[in-house]
Each structure stands twice: as structure tokens, then as C-alpha cells.
Amino acid sequence: MRRKTKKKHFFLRVLVFLFLSGMLFGVFYLFFWMEVPDKPTNFEPTPEQEARLHEIFTHPENYPEDLLEKVREFPEAVDFVYDYPTPPRDLPFSLDWDKGKIPHFLQWDERWGYKKYCGSFFGVTGCGPTALAMVYDGLSHSTKYNPYDLGILAESMGYGDEGMGTDANFMVAGAKHIGLEVYVPERSAWAWRKAIKKGHPLILNVGPGDFTTFGHYLVVADHNGQGFVVLDPNSRVRGRRTWTFDELERQTKSVWAYIPE
């Protein structure tokens, strides 16, 4: 009887050990998965960026939660988040794009991304002003307004929603305030291509889909014969492919076309 009892206790201890080991592994895996997300398939970090991601999530105490959430959802912003403790100073805003082209600005550019906007960092909530700055500066071929200038304008006009970002009405009222004409094109591929061919770039207000889980603004800058060229204020990578009308339209809540002053 003693032998059987000892064997029984041994097997019970083994089962308990395996159960607890499995629980600990599961907790570790869940924690790691939550803290260091999988890379999106269209963004491949360099070895240096991989090291920076590791540094960020090894020392999260060095970063505000808004920026940690940013890099979890958009690892492409890793350099911007990594540099937060010691950001570069006095970076120039220069005219470095060709006349007739729409520049691609990023809301998390270090020249303005660490500034506060709508209760967070401009790099988190500044897609609307960034999109409008691309359109204005491209049409005027000037650096009159950087994205944060238009963020300040949006808040001063009452279109900066705390914790939410930019009210869609700013895409009309703000544009008119800085001297652009705005109209709403028909929701068709033909009408969008026609507007762009005439030199009237589009801004889209999109909902959940390929670009966002909540709400976002994009610039449609061109049509190259294969599809629409999108300048996403939150991504360089998404501008490397073209998009069909159907892909964009099914995510679009509002669309505006812009005419230079």
C-alpha cells in the first residue's frame, strides 16, 4: 500500500508541476504578446529598429502610455517613440518637394510630433491638420503652414476634440480660413480621377479598415493609371502601393476636394 501511495503522490506532484508550468508559460506568452506586438507584414524594421523596439518595451517607464500604445499599434513609428526622452532640436521645415507635387508629411515627424494636441501628442492625434497641411503646402508650393500650425488653428477654431482628434468640419472651415476652396466630389472613381487630373487633391475621412481602427484622415494625391496614390499621415509604407476606388470608398465617411487660392 505504501508503494502505491508513494507512486500516487509522485504522479500527483508531477501533474501539479506540469499544470503550474503551463500556467506560467501561458501568462508569460500573453504578457509578451501584449507588450511587443507582431510586426505588420508591410513594415520590416531594420536591425537597429528591432533593437529600439526591444529597448522601448524593456524600459516602458521612460515613455508616456500614449506613445507606448502608438508604437504597439504602429511599429513604423518606432524611431519617433524611441527618441522621445532626448528629442532632436531645431529641425528645419524646408521646401523639399517639386512644384505641382503634394508633399508627404507624417503626424509623428519629430519636428512637431511631440507637441500637445487634443489632449495627447500631435504624433498620436494630428492626422487631420497634417493632411490639410500637405494639401495647402503642395498647392501653394510653400512652407507657410506646417502640420502643427494647423493643429493650433483647429483648436483655436473649436475643432480640436479632447481625446478624439480633429472634427471633420475643420476640413472645410479650416481650409476656407487659410484660403482654399473646397467642394465635395461625387462618390465615383471617375469623379475622383477627374478632380485629381484637374489638380484638386482629395482628403478622405475614413473609418475602421485598412488605415485605422477608429477614424483617420488621408490625402489622395494622384492616380497613376494603376490606382490611387494615398499619402497617409501615419505611414510611409502605405504610400508605396496604389489603392483601387472600391478599397478606399468602402472605408470613406467623407471626401473633400481642394482648389488653390
C-alpha atoms as a PDB file:
ATOM      1  CA  MET A   1       0.000   0.000   0.000  1.00  0.00           C
ATOM      2  CA  ARG A   2       2.838   2.368   0.815  1.00  0.00           C
ATOM      3  CA  ARG A   3       4.402   1.893  -2.620  1.00  0.00           C
ATOM      4  CA  LYS A   4       1.099   2.648  -4.344  1.00  0.00           C
ATOM      5  CA  THR A   5       0.568   5.692  -2.138  1.00  0.00           C
ATOM      6  CA  LYS A   6       4.071   6.983  -2.879  1.00  0.00           C
ATOM      7  CA  LYS A   7       3.614   6.462  -6.613  1.00  0.00           C
ATOM      8  CA  LYS A   8       0.248   8.177  -6.452  1.00  0.00           C
ATOM      9  CA  HIS A   9       1.726  11.167  -4.653  1.00  0.00           C
ATOM     10  CA  PHE A  10       4.642  11.303  -7.116  1.00  0.00           C
ATOM     11  CA  PHE A  11       2.337  11.371 -10.126  1.00  0.00           C
ATOM     12  CA  LEU A  12       0.150  14.000  -8.465  1.00  0.00           C
ATOM     13  CA  ARG A  13       3.216  16.177  -7.866  1.00  0.00           C
ATOM     14  CA  VAL A  14       4.269  15.753 -11.493  1.00  0.00           C
ATOM     15  CA  LEU A  15       0.792  16.723 -12.712  1.00  0.00           C
ATOM     16  CA  VAL A  16       0.720  19.780 -10.440  1.00  0.00           C
ATOM     17  CA  PHE A  17       4.188  20.808 -11.635  1.00  0.00           C
ATOM     18  CA  LEU A  18       3.206  20.469 -15.304  1.00  0.00           C
ATOM     19  CA  PHE A  19      -0.034  22.371 -14.703  1.00  0.00           C
ATOM     20  CA  LEU A  20       1.730  25.250 -12.947  1.00  0.00           C
ATOM     21  CA  SER A  21       4.483  25.330 -15.579  1.00  0.00           C
ATOM     22  CA  GLY A  22       1.879  25.554 -18.301  1.00  0.00           C
ATOM     23  CA  MET A  23       0.089  28.373 -16.480  1.00  0.00           C
ATOM     24  CA  LEU A  24       3.323  30.332 -16.038  1.00  0.00           C
ATOM     25  CA  PHE A  25       4.244  29.852 -19.688  1.00  0.00           C
ATOM     26  CA  GLY A  26       0.784  30.991 -20.749  1.00  0.00           C
ATOM     27  CA  VAL A  27       0.961  34.128 -18.608  1.00  0.00           C
ATOM     28  CA  PHE A  28       4.449  34.932 -19.910  1.00  0.00           C
ATOM     29  CA  TYR A  29       3.389  34.399 -23.514  1.00  0.00           C
ATOM     30  CA  LEU A  30       0.270  36.533 -23.128  1.00  0.00           C
ATOM     31  CA  PHE A  31       2.243  39.327 -21.455  1.00  0.00           C
ATOM     32  CA  PHE A  32       4.938  39.259 -24.135  1.00  0.00           C
ATOM     33  CA  TRP A  33       2.390  39.176 -26.941  1.00  0.00           C
ATOM     34  CA  MET A  34       0.526  42.140 -25.477  1.00  0.00           C
ATOM     35  CA  GLU A  35       3.668  44.181 -24.877  1.00  0.00           C
ATOM     36  CA  VAL A  36       5.555  43.503 -28.124  1.00  0.00           C
ATOM     37  CA  PRO A  37       3.063  43.136 -30.972  1.00  0.00           C
ATOM     38  CA  ASP A  38       3.641  41.291 -34.200  1.00  0.00           C
ATOM     39  CA  LYS A  39       5.013  43.497 -36.965  1.00  0.00           C
ATOM     40  CA  PRO A  40       2.564  44.283 -39.753  1.00  0.00           C
ATOM     41  CA  THR A  41       3.522  42.340 -42.867  1.00  0.00           C
ATOM     42  CA  ASN A  42       4.100  45.538 -44.847  1.00  0.00           C
ATOM     43  CA  PHE A  43       6.642  47.013 -42.414  1.00  0.00           C
ATOM     44  CA  GLU A  44      10.019  45.388 -41.957  1.00  0.00           C
ATOM     45  CA  PRO A  45      12.103  47.080 -39.243  1.00  0.00           C
ATOM     46  CA  THR A  46      15.847  47.293 -39.680  1.00  0.00           C
ATOM     47  CA  PRO A  47      18.064  45.553 -37.111  1.00  0.00           C
ATOM     48  CA  GLU A  48      18.548  48.924 -35.418  1.00  0.00           C
ATOM     49  CA  GLN A  49      14.779  49.425 -35.228  1.00  0.00           C
ATOM     50  CA  GLU A  50      14.345  45.902 -33.832  1.00  0.00           C
ATOM     51  CA  ALA A  51      16.821  46.840 -31.092  1.00  0.00           C
ATOM     52  CA  ARG A  52      14.949  50.074 -30.453  1.00  0.00           C
ATOM     53  CA  LEU A  53      11.617  48.240 -30.127  1.00  0.00           C
ATOM     54  CA  HIS A  54      13.250  45.913 -27.609  1.00  0.00           C
ATOM     55  CA  GLU A  55      14.643  48.883 -25.660  1.00  0.00           C
ATOM     56  CA  ILE A  56      11.245  50.639 -25.585  1.00  0.00           C
ATOM     57  CA  PHE A  57       9.398  47.621 -24.193  1.00  0.00           C
ATOM     58  CA  THR A  58      12.200  46.674 -21.822  1.00  0.00           C
ATOM     59  CA  HIS A  59      12.055  50.171 -20.278  1.00  0.00           C
ATOM     60  CA  PRO A  60       8.436  51.319 -20.703  1.00  0.00           C
ATOM     61  CA  GLU A  61       8.811  53.613 -17.702  1.00  0.00           C
ATOM     62  CA  ASN A  62      10.743  56.014 -19.957  1.00  0.00           C
ATOM     63  CA  TYR A  63       7.767  56.595 -22.250  1.00  0.00           C
ATOM     64  CA  PRO A  64       4.241  58.011 -21.831  1.00  0.00           C
ATOM     65  CA  GLU A  65       1.466  55.460 -22.260  1.00  0.00           C
ATOM     66  CA  ASP A  66       0.123  57.286 -25.340  1.00  0.00           C
ATOM     67  CA  LEU A  67       3.433  56.724 -27.128  1.00  0.00           C
ATOM     68  CA  LEU A  68       3.699  53.098 -26.000  1.00  0.00           C
ATOM     69  CA  GLU A  69       0.231  52.498 -27.404  1.00  0.00           C
ATOM     70  CA  LYS A  70       1.277  54.268 -30.596  1.00  0.00           C
ATOM     71  CA  VAL A  71       4.250  52.003 -31.244  1.00  0.00           C
ATOM     72  CA  ARG A  72       2.268  48.886 -30.272  1.00  0.00           C
ATOM     73  CA  GLU A  73      -0.304  49.672 -32.933  1.00  0.00           C
ATOM     74  CA  PHE A  74       2.077  51.269 -35.460  1.00  0.00           C
ATOM     75  CA  PRO A  75       5.626  49.886 -35.105  1.00  0.00           C
ATOM     76  CA  GLU A  76       6.591  52.078 -38.062  1.00  0.00           C
ATOM     77  CA  ALA A  77       6.747  54.965 -35.557  1.00  0.00           C
ATOM     78  CA  VAL A  78       9.494  53.221 -33.549  1.00  0.00           C
ATOM     79  CA  ASP A  79      12.176  55.876 -34.172  1.00  0.00           C
ATOM     80  CA  PHE A  80       9.817  58.689 -33.176  1.00  0.00           C
ATOM     81  CA  VAL A  81       8.864  56.948 -29.921  1.00  0.00           C
ATOM     82  CA  TYR A  82      12.427  55.844 -29.152  1.00  0.00           C
ATOM     83  CA  ASP A  83      13.730  59.429 -29.431  1.00  0.00           C
ATOM     84  CA  TYR A  84      11.117  60.826 -27.028  1.00  0.00           C
ATOM     85  CA  PRO A  85      13.412  61.046 -23.946  1.00  0.00           C
ATOM     86  CA  THR A  86      16.019  63.064 -25.901  1.00  0.00           C
ATOM     87  CA  PRO A  87      14.280  64.520 -28.965  1.00  0.00           C
ATOM     88  CA  PRO A  88      16.333  66.359 -31.607  1.00  0.00           C
ATOM     89  CA  ARG A  89      16.050  70.147 -31.517  1.00  0.00           C
ATOM     90  CA  ASP A  90      15.524  72.840 -34.150  1.00  0.00           C
ATOM     91  CA  LEU A  91      14.956  70.613 -37.163  1.00  0.00           C
ATOM     92  CA  PRO A  92      14.283  72.785 -40.254  1.00  0.00           C
ATOM     93  CA  PHE A  93      10.981  72.795 -42.144  1.00  0.00           C
ATOM     94  CA  SER A  94      12.165  73.321 -45.691  1.00  0.00           C
ATOM     95  CA  LEU A  95      10.667  73.315 -49.171  1.00  0.00           C
ATOM     96  CA  ASP A  96      11.993  69.937 -50.341  1.00  0.00           C
ATOM     97  CA  TRP A  97       9.343  68.796 -52.833  1.00  0.00           C
ATOM     98  CA  ASP A  98       8.773  69.614 -56.504  1.00  0.00           C
ATOM     99  CA  LYS A  99       6.283  72.226 -57.627  1.00  0.00           C
ATOM    100  CA  GLY A 100       2.983  70.623 -58.540  1.00  0.00           C
ATOM    101  CA  LYS A 101       3.517  67.733 -56.116  1.00  0.00           C
ATOM    102  CA  ILE A 102       1.845  67.112 -52.781  1.00  0.00           C
ATOM    103  CA  PRO A 103       4.425  66.560 -50.012  1.00  0.00           C
ATOM    104  CA  HIS A 104       4.102  63.596 -47.679  1.00  0.00           C
ATOM    105  CA  PHE A 105       4.127  64.816 -44.081  1.00  0.00           C
ATOM    106  CA  LEU A 106       3.868  62.492 -41.090  1.00  0.00           C
ATOM    107  CA  GLN A 107       1.990  63.436 -37.947  1.00  0.00           C
ATOM    108  CA  TRP A 108       4.762  61.742 -35.917  1.00  0.00           C
ATOM    109  CA  ASP A 109       7.563  63.701 -37.556  1.00  0.00           C
ATOM    110  CA  GLU A 110       9.892  64.786 -34.752  1.00  0.00           C
ATOM    111  CA  ARG A 111       9.609  68.426 -35.837  1.00  0.00           C
ATOM    112  CA  TRP A 112       6.089  68.566 -34.401  1.00  0.00           C
ATOM    113  CA  GLY A 113       5.012  65.105 -33.206  1.00  0.00           C
ATOM    114  CA  TYR A 114       5.930  65.606 -29.527  1.00  0.00           C
ATOM    115  CA  LYS A 115       3.828  68.757 -29.193  1.00  0.00           C
ATOM    116  CA  LYS A 116       0.456  68.521 -27.442  1.00  0.00           C
ATOM    117  CA  TYR A 117      -2.766  68.397 -29.412  1.00  0.00           C
ATOM    118  CA  CYS A 118      -6.284  67.351 -28.399  1.00  0.00           C
ATOM    119  CA  GLY A 119      -5.140  66.051 -25.030  1.00  0.00           C
ATOM    120  CA  SER A 120      -2.360  63.856 -26.392  1.00  0.00           C
ATOM    121  CA  PHE A 121       0.719  64.133 -28.589  1.00  0.00           C
ATOM    122  CA  PHE A 122       0.345  65.569 -32.080  1.00  0.00           C
ATOM    123  CA  GLY A 123       2.009  62.376 -33.312  1.00  0.00           C
ATOM    124  CA  VAL A 124      -0.990  60.449 -31.976  1.00  0.00           C
ATOM    125  CA  THR A 125      -3.947  62.730 -32.756  1.00  0.00           C
ATOM    126  CA  GLY A 126      -2.685  65.079 -35.502  1.00  0.00           C
ATOM    127  CA  CYS A 127      -3.689  63.306 -38.715  1.00  0.00           C
ATOM    128  CA  GLY A 128      -6.305  65.918 -39.717  1.00  0.00           C
ATOM    129  CA  PRO A 129      -4.093  69.036 -39.582  1.00  0.00           C
ATOM    130  CA  THR A 130      -1.266  67.039 -41.177  1.00  0.00           C
ATOM    131  CA  ALA A 131      -3.456  66.063 -44.124  1.00  0.00           C
ATOM    132  CA  LEU A 132      -4.618  69.657 -44.628  1.00  0.00           C
ATOM    133  CA  ALA A 133      -1.021  70.946 -44.406  1.00  0.00           C
ATOM    134  CA  MET A 134       0.016  68.520 -47.153  1.00  0.00           C
ATOM    135  CA  VAL A 135      -2.738  69.846 -49.394  1.00  0.00           C
ATOM    136  CA  TYR A 136      -2.130  73.538 -48.677  1.00  0.00           C
ATOM    137  CA  ASP A 137       1.661  73.425 -48.918  1.00  0.00           C
ATOM    138  CA  GLY A 138       1.512  71.286 -52.047  1.00  0.00           C
ATOM    139  CA  LEU A 139      -0.961  73.538 -53.846  1.00  0.00           C
ATOM    140  CA  SER A 140       0.842  76.730 -52.810  1.00  0.00           C
ATOM    141  CA  HIS A 141       4.342  75.219 -53.068  1.00  0.00           C
ATOM    142  CA  SER A 142       5.232  76.888 -49.802  1.00  0.00           C
ATOM    143  CA  THR A 143       6.014  76.157 -46.175  1.00  0.00           C
ATOM    144  CA  LYS A 144       3.547  78.704 -44.890  1.00  0.00           C
ATOM    145  CA  TYR A 145       1.881  76.173 -42.590  1.00  0.00           C
ATOM    146  CA  ASN A 146       3.477  73.157 -41.017  1.00  0.00           C
ATOM    147  CA  PRO A 147       1.085  70.491 -39.658  1.00  0.00           C
ATOM    148  CA  TYR A 148       1.225  71.750 -36.090  1.00  0.00           C
ATOM    149  CA  ASP A 149       0.383  75.303 -37.210  1.00  0.00           C
ATOM    150  CA  LEU A 150      -2.902  73.913 -38.480  1.00  0.00           C
ATOM    151  CA  GLY A 151      -3.360  71.935 -35.281  1.00  0.00           C
ATOM    152  CA  ILE A 152      -3.169  75.198 -33.348  1.00  0.00           C
ATOM    153  CA  LEU A 153      -5.680  76.691 -35.775  1.00  0.00           C
ATOM    154  CA  ALA A 154      -8.065  73.735 -35.372  1.00  0.00           C
ATOM    155  CA  GLU A 155      -8.061  74.087 -31.591  1.00  0.00           C
ATOM    156  CA  SER A 156      -8.461  77.873 -31.747  1.00  0.00           C
ATOM    157  CA  MET A 157     -11.490  77.447 -34.041  1.00  0.00           C
ATOM    158  CA  GLY A 158     -13.042  74.862 -31.713  1.00  0.00           C
ATOM    159  CA  TYR A 159     -12.451  71.841 -33.968  1.00  0.00           C
ATOM    160  CA  GLY A 160      -9.924  70.035 -31.772  1.00  0.00           C
ATOM    161  CA  ASP A 161     -11.794  67.403 -29.761  1.00  0.00           C
ATOM    162  CA  GLU A 162     -10.107  66.400 -26.493  1.00  0.00           C
ATOM    163  CA  GLY A 163      -9.000  62.790 -26.752  1.00  0.00           C
ATOM    164  CA  MET A 164     -10.694  62.361 -30.133  1.00  0.00           C
ATOM    165  CA  GLY A 165      -8.678  64.346 -32.658  1.00  0.00           C
ATOM    166  CA  THR A 166      -9.914  66.762 -35.288  1.00  0.00           C
ATOM    167  CA  ASP A 167     -13.584  67.427 -36.001  1.00  0.00           C
ATOM    168  CA  ALA A 168     -14.372  66.709 -39.656  1.00  0.00           C
ATOM    169  CA  ASN A 169     -15.845  70.195 -40.079  1.00  0.00           C
ATOM    170  CA  PHE A 170     -12.319  71.610 -39.860  1.00  0.00           C
ATOM    171  CA  MET A 171     -11.568  70.083 -43.268  1.00  0.00           C
ATOM    172  CA  VAL A 172     -13.965  72.665 -44.707  1.00  0.00           C
ATOM    173  CA  ALA A 173     -13.889  75.601 -42.252  1.00  0.00           C
ATOM    174  CA  GLY A 174     -10.139  75.398 -41.666  1.00  0.00           C
ATOM    175  CA  ALA A 175      -9.404  75.102 -45.379  1.00  0.00           C
ATOM    176  CA  LYS A 176     -11.513  78.165 -46.170  1.00  0.00           C
ATOM    177  CA  HIS A 177      -9.847  80.060 -43.332  1.00  0.00           C
ATOM    178  CA  ILE A 178      -6.403  79.567 -44.902  1.00  0.00           C
ATOM    179  CA  GLY A 179      -7.635  80.450 -48.399  1.00  0.00           C
ATOM    180  CA  LEU A 180      -8.534  77.173 -50.083  1.00  0.00           C
ATOM    181  CA  GLU A 181     -11.749  76.480 -51.937  1.00  0.00           C
ATOM    182  CA  VAL A 182     -13.451  73.205 -51.058  1.00  0.00           C
ATOM    183  CA  TYR A 183     -16.070  71.074 -52.758  1.00  0.00           C
ATOM    184  CA  VAL A 184     -17.473  67.569 -52.318  1.00  0.00           C
ATOM    185  CA  PRO A 185     -16.880  65.388 -55.381  1.00  0.00           C
ATOM    186  CA  GLU A 186     -19.263  62.673 -56.452  1.00  0.00           C
ATOM    187  CA  ARG A 187     -18.547  59.263 -54.918  1.00  0.00           C
ATOM    188  CA  SER A 188     -17.283  57.589 -58.074  1.00  0.00           C
ATOM    189  CA  ALA A 189     -13.900  56.562 -59.443  1.00  0.00           C
ATOM    190  CA  TRP A 190     -14.460  58.796 -62.484  1.00  0.00           C
ATOM    191  CA  ALA A 191     -15.178  61.898 -60.330  1.00  0.00           C
ATOM    192  CA  TRP A 192     -12.168  61.300 -58.082  1.00  0.00           C
ATOM    193  CA  ARG A 193      -9.829  60.823 -61.044  1.00  0.00           C
ATOM    194  CA  LYS A 194     -11.262  63.932 -62.706  1.00  0.00           C
ATOM    195  CA  ALA A 195     -10.665  66.061 -59.588  1.00  0.00           C
ATOM    196  CA  ILE A 196      -7.072  64.870 -59.283  1.00  0.00           C
ATOM    197  CA  LYS A 197      -6.401  65.379 -63.003  1.00  0.00           C
ATOM    198  CA  LYS A 198      -7.529  68.998 -62.581  1.00  0.00           C
ATOM    199  CA  GLY A 199      -5.036  69.439 -59.737  1.00  0.00           C
ATOM    200  CA  HIS A 200      -7.576  69.145 -56.931  1.00  0.00           C
ATOM    201  CA  PRO A 201      -6.220  66.725 -54.298  1.00  0.00           C
ATOM    202  CA  LEU A 202      -8.653  64.888 -52.048  1.00  0.00           C
ATOM    203  CA  ILE A 203      -8.818  64.412 -48.308  1.00  0.00           C
ATOM    204  CA  LEU A 204     -10.694  61.349 -47.095  1.00  0.00           C
ATOM    205  CA  ASN A 205     -12.120  60.881 -43.621  1.00  0.00           C
ATOM    206  CA  VAL A 206     -12.019  57.104 -43.190  1.00  0.00           C
ATOM    207  CA  GLY A 207     -13.408  54.747 -40.596  1.00  0.00           C
ATOM    208  CA  PRO A 208     -12.162  51.343 -39.423  1.00  0.00           C
ATOM    209  CA  GLY A 209     -10.428  49.327 -42.125  1.00  0.00           C
ATOM    210  CA  ASP A 210      -7.004  49.267 -43.714  1.00  0.00           C
ATOM    211  CA  PHE A 211      -5.817  52.519 -42.147  1.00  0.00           C
ATOM    212  CA  THR A 212      -7.333  52.772 -38.688  1.00  0.00           C
ATOM    213  CA  THR A 213      -9.378  51.046 -36.021  1.00  0.00           C
ATOM    214  CA  PHE A 214     -11.278  54.227 -35.205  1.00  0.00           C
ATOM    215  CA  GLY A 215     -11.035  57.257 -37.522  1.00  0.00           C
ATOM    216  CA  HIS A 216      -8.387  58.839 -39.709  1.00  0.00           C
ATOM    217  CA  TYR A 217      -7.651  61.391 -42.466  1.00  0.00           C
ATOM    218  CA  LEU A 218      -5.761  60.622 -45.690  1.00  0.00           C
ATOM    219  CA  VAL A 219      -4.688  62.577 -48.752  1.00  0.00           C
ATOM    220  CA  VAL A 220      -5.325  61.141 -52.212  1.00  0.00           C
ATOM    221  CA  ALA A 221      -2.645  62.901 -54.211  1.00  0.00           C
ATOM    222  CA  ASP A 222      -2.591  61.206 -57.619  1.00  0.00           C
ATOM    223  CA  HIS A 223      -3.820  58.441 -59.893  1.00  0.00           C
ATOM    224  CA  ASN A 224      -1.014  56.683 -61.737  1.00  0.00           C
ATOM    225  CA  GLY A 225      -3.061  54.544 -64.098  1.00  0.00           C
ATOM    226  CA  GLN A 226      -2.838  51.555 -61.774  1.00  0.00           C
ATOM    227  CA  GLY A 227      -4.724  53.105 -58.877  1.00  0.00           C
ATOM    228  CA  PHE A 228      -4.937  55.994 -56.436  1.00  0.00           C
ATOM    229  CA  VAL A 229      -1.792  57.180 -54.644  1.00  0.00           C
ATOM    230  CA  VAL A 230      -2.505  57.730 -50.949  1.00  0.00           C
ATOM    231  CA  LEU A 231      -0.397  59.860 -48.595  1.00  0.00           C
ATOM    232  CA  ASP A 232      -1.165  58.599 -45.112  1.00  0.00           C
ATOM    233  CA  PRO A 233      -0.128  60.997 -42.308  1.00  0.00           C
ATOM    234  CA  ASN A 234       0.525  57.936 -40.146  1.00  0.00           C
ATOM    235  CA  SER A 235       2.586  55.790 -42.540  1.00  0.00           C
ATOM    236  CA  ARG A 236       5.242  55.943 -45.218  1.00  0.00           C
ATOM    237  CA  VAL A 237       4.702  52.300 -46.099  1.00  0.00           C
ATOM    238  CA  ARG A 238       1.081  52.598 -47.237  1.00  0.00           C
ATOM    239  CA  GLY A 239       2.113  55.121 -49.881  1.00  0.00           C
ATOM    240  CA  ARG A 240       4.258  52.508 -51.612  1.00  0.00           C
ATOM    241  CA  ARG A 241       1.269  50.773 -53.151  1.00  0.00           C
ATOM    242  CA  THR A 242      -1.765  52.005 -55.075  1.00  0.00           C
ATOM    243  CA  TRP A 243      -5.360  51.657 -53.973  1.00  0.00           C
ATOM    244  CA  THR A 244      -8.486  50.946 -56.002  1.00  0.00           C
ATOM    245  CA  PHE A 245     -11.540  53.148 -55.756  1.00  0.00           C
ATOM    246  CA  ASP A 246     -13.529  50.323 -54.152  1.00  0.00           C
ATOM    247  CA  GLU A 247     -10.863  49.750 -51.494  1.00  0.00           C
ATOM    248  CA  LEU A 248     -10.939  53.416 -50.499  1.00  0.00           C
ATOM    249  CA  GLU A 249     -14.607  54.189 -50.972  1.00  0.00           C
ATOM    250  CA  ARG A 250     -15.897  51.411 -48.714  1.00  0.00           C
ATOM    251  CA  GLN A 251     -13.915  52.888 -45.811  1.00  0.00           C
ATOM    252  CA  THR A 252     -14.657  56.547 -46.561  1.00  0.00           C
ATOM    253  CA  LYS A 253     -17.083  58.540 -44.423  1.00  0.00           C
ATOM    254  CA  SER A 254     -16.454  61.924 -46.087  1.00  0.00           C
ATOM    255  CA  VAL A 255     -14.422  63.233 -49.015  1.00  0.00           C
ATOM    256  CA  TRP A 256     -13.394  66.768 -49.977  1.00  0.00           C
ATOM    257  CA  ALA A 257     -11.530  68.176 -52.979  1.00  0.00           C
ATOM    258  CA  TYR A 258      -9.394  71.327 -52.761  1.00  0.00           C
ATOM    259  CA  ILE A 259      -8.701  74.159 -55.183  1.00  0.00           C
ATOM    260  CA  PRO A 260      -5.733  76.511 -54.668  1.00  0.00           C
ATOM    261  CA  GLU A 261      -6.356  80.136 -53.828  1.00  0.00           C
END
